[in-house]
Amino acid sequence: MITKQGLVTKISGINTIRVEVHRYETHAVYKKRFRLTSNFLVHDPESKAKVGDVVIIQQCRPISKRKSWILTEITK
């Protein structure tokens, strides 16, 4: 299973949160590192996460059209 760590940026619905995940890549020619940001809709069945929490998410079966991640753990 694929897991990612990110920051909760929004609570959007009853059991849904939006998590922002950053990753770093290096440019092929100029060798400069830059940051890319991805947003994921995550299923939070117990509605425990709050804005600003650092969480670990795990990929699962599609729950809705854009939501195929589930909250595994709140780390901070």
C-alpha atoms as a PDB file:
ATOM      1  CA  MET A   1       0.000   0.000   0.000  1.00  0.00           C
ATOM      2  CA  ILE A   2       1.088   3.536  -0.726  1.00  0.00           C
ATOM      3  CA  THR A   3       1.358   5.896   2.252  1.00  0.00           C
ATOM      4  CA  LYS A   4       2.066   9.624   2.355  1.00  0.00           C
ATOM      5  CA  GLN A   5       2.543  12.228   5.076  1.00  0.00           C
ATOM      6  CA  GLY A   6       0.976  15.649   4.799  1.00  0.00           C
ATOM      7  CA  LEU A   7      -0.706  18.621   6.447  1.00  0.00           C
ATOM      8  CA  VAL A   8      -4.476  19.013   6.867  1.00  0.00           C
ATOM      9  CA  THR A   9      -5.462  22.272   5.154  1.00  0.00           C
ATOM     10  CA  LYS A  10      -9.263  22.067   5.111  1.00  0.00           C
ATOM     11  CA  ILE A  11     -12.164  20.123   6.556  1.00  0.00           C
ATOM     12  CA  SER A  12     -14.540  19.772   3.626  1.00  0.00           C
ATOM     13  CA  GLY A  13     -17.613  17.841   4.648  1.00  0.00           C
ATOM     14  CA  ILE A  14     -18.579  15.481   7.420  1.00  0.00           C
ATOM     15  CA  ASN A  15     -15.995  12.710   6.880  1.00  0.00           C
ATOM     16  CA  THR A  16     -13.654  14.405   4.409  1.00  0.00           C
ATOM     17  CA  ILE A  17     -10.435  16.370   4.868  1.00  0.00           C
ATOM     18  CA  ARG A  18      -8.016  17.888   2.366  1.00  0.00           C
ATOM     19  CA  VAL A  19      -4.349  16.997   2.877  1.00  0.00           C
ATOM     20  CA  GLU A  20      -1.460  18.876   1.263  1.00  0.00           C
ATOM     21  CA  VAL A  21       1.603  16.752   0.442  1.00  0.00           C
ATOM     22  CA  HIS A  22       4.939  18.272  -0.612  1.00  0.00           C
ATOM     23  CA  ARG A  23       7.675  16.566  -2.586  1.00  0.00           C
ATOM     24  CA  TYR A  24      10.991  17.809  -3.950  1.00  0.00           C
ATOM     25  CA  GLU A  25      12.349  17.241  -7.446  1.00  0.00           C
ATOM     26  CA  THR A  26      15.523  18.306  -9.218  1.00  0.00           C
ATOM     27  CA  HIS A  27      15.486  20.029 -12.593  1.00  0.00           C
ATOM     28  CA  ALA A  28      17.096  17.841 -15.261  1.00  0.00           C
ATOM     29  CA  VAL A  29      19.226  20.581 -16.855  1.00  0.00           C
ATOM     30  CA  TYR A  30      19.770  23.237 -14.181  1.00  0.00           C
ATOM     31  CA  LYS A  31      20.011  20.867 -11.173  1.00  0.00           C
ATOM     32  CA  LYS A  32      17.947  23.211  -9.010  1.00  0.00           C
ATOM     33  CA  ARG A  33      15.619  21.619  -6.451  1.00  0.00           C
ATOM     34  CA  PHE A  34      12.022  22.784  -6.367  1.00  0.00           C
ATOM     35  CA  ARG A  35       8.970  21.871  -4.356  1.00  0.00           C
ATOM     36  CA  LEU A  36       5.784  20.403  -5.835  1.00  0.00           C
ATOM     37  CA  THR A  37       2.518  20.335  -3.904  1.00  0.00           C
ATOM     38  CA  SER A  38      -0.342  17.843  -4.291  1.00  0.00           C
ATOM     39  CA  ASN A  39      -3.752  17.988  -2.622  1.00  0.00           C
ATOM     40  CA  PHE A  40      -5.641  14.805  -1.730  1.00  0.00           C
ATOM     41  CA  LEU A  41      -9.190  14.320  -0.478  1.00  0.00           C
ATOM     42  CA  VAL A  42      -9.005  11.892   2.431  1.00  0.00           C
ATOM     43  CA  HIS A  43     -11.726   9.897   4.187  1.00  0.00           C
ATOM     44  CA  ASP A  44     -11.721  10.548   7.942  1.00  0.00           C
ATOM     45  CA  PRO A  45     -14.386   8.176   9.319  1.00  0.00           C
ATOM     46  CA  GLU A  46     -14.237   9.415  12.934  1.00  0.00           C
ATOM     47  CA  SER A  47     -13.688  13.131  12.084  1.00  0.00           C
ATOM     48  CA  LYS A  48     -10.691  13.357  14.418  1.00  0.00           C
ATOM     49  CA  ALA A  49      -8.324  15.453  12.271  1.00  0.00           C
ATOM     50  CA  LYS A  50      -8.260  19.230  12.567  1.00  0.00           C
ATOM     51  CA  VAL A  51      -6.723  21.933  10.388  1.00  0.00           C
ATOM     52  CA  GLY A  52      -2.962  22.085  10.989  1.00  0.00           C
ATOM     53  CA  ASP A  53      -2.508  18.431  11.977  1.00  0.00           C
ATOM     54  CA  VAL A  54       0.240  16.374  10.366  1.00  0.00           C
ATOM     55  CA  VAL A  55      -1.264  13.061   9.264  1.00  0.00           C
ATOM     56  CA  ILE A  56      -0.344   9.826   7.506  1.00  0.00           C
ATOM     57  CA  ILE A  57      -2.710   8.716   4.741  1.00  0.00           C
ATOM     58  CA  GLN A  58      -2.994   5.423   2.889  1.00  0.00           C
ATOM     59  CA  GLN A  59      -4.400   4.655  -0.541  1.00  0.00           C
ATOM     60  CA  CYS A  60      -7.552   2.513  -0.589  1.00  0.00           C
ATOM     61  CA  ARG A  61     -10.435   1.612  -2.880  1.00  0.00           C
ATOM     62  CA  PRO A  62     -12.320   4.576  -4.397  1.00  0.00           C
ATOM     63  CA  ILE A  63     -14.826   5.927  -1.881  1.00  0.00           C
ATOM     64  CA  SER A  64     -16.189   8.625  -4.184  1.00  0.00           C
ATOM     65  CA  LYS A  65     -15.219  10.277  -7.463  1.00  0.00           C
ATOM     66  CA  ARG A  66     -12.153  12.115  -6.080  1.00  0.00           C
ATOM     67  CA  LYS A  67     -11.627  10.394  -2.725  1.00  0.00           C
ATOM     68  CA  SER A  68      -9.479   7.251  -2.663  1.00  0.00           C
ATOM     69  CA  TRP A  69      -7.315   7.867   0.421  1.00  0.00           C
ATOM     70  CA  ILE A  70      -8.057   7.064   4.069  1.00  0.00           C
ATOM     71  CA  LEU A  71      -6.649   8.565   7.253  1.00  0.00           C
ATOM     72  CA  THR A  72      -4.291   6.148   9.002  1.00  0.00           C
ATOM     73  CA  GLU A  73      -2.724   8.134  11.821  1.00  0.00           C
ATOM     74  CA  ILE A  74      -2.474  11.646  13.260  1.00  0.00           C
ATOM     75  CA  THR A  75       1.191  12.259  14.088  1.00  0.00           C
ATOM     76  CA  LYS A  76       1.184  15.860  15.318  1.00  0.00           C
END
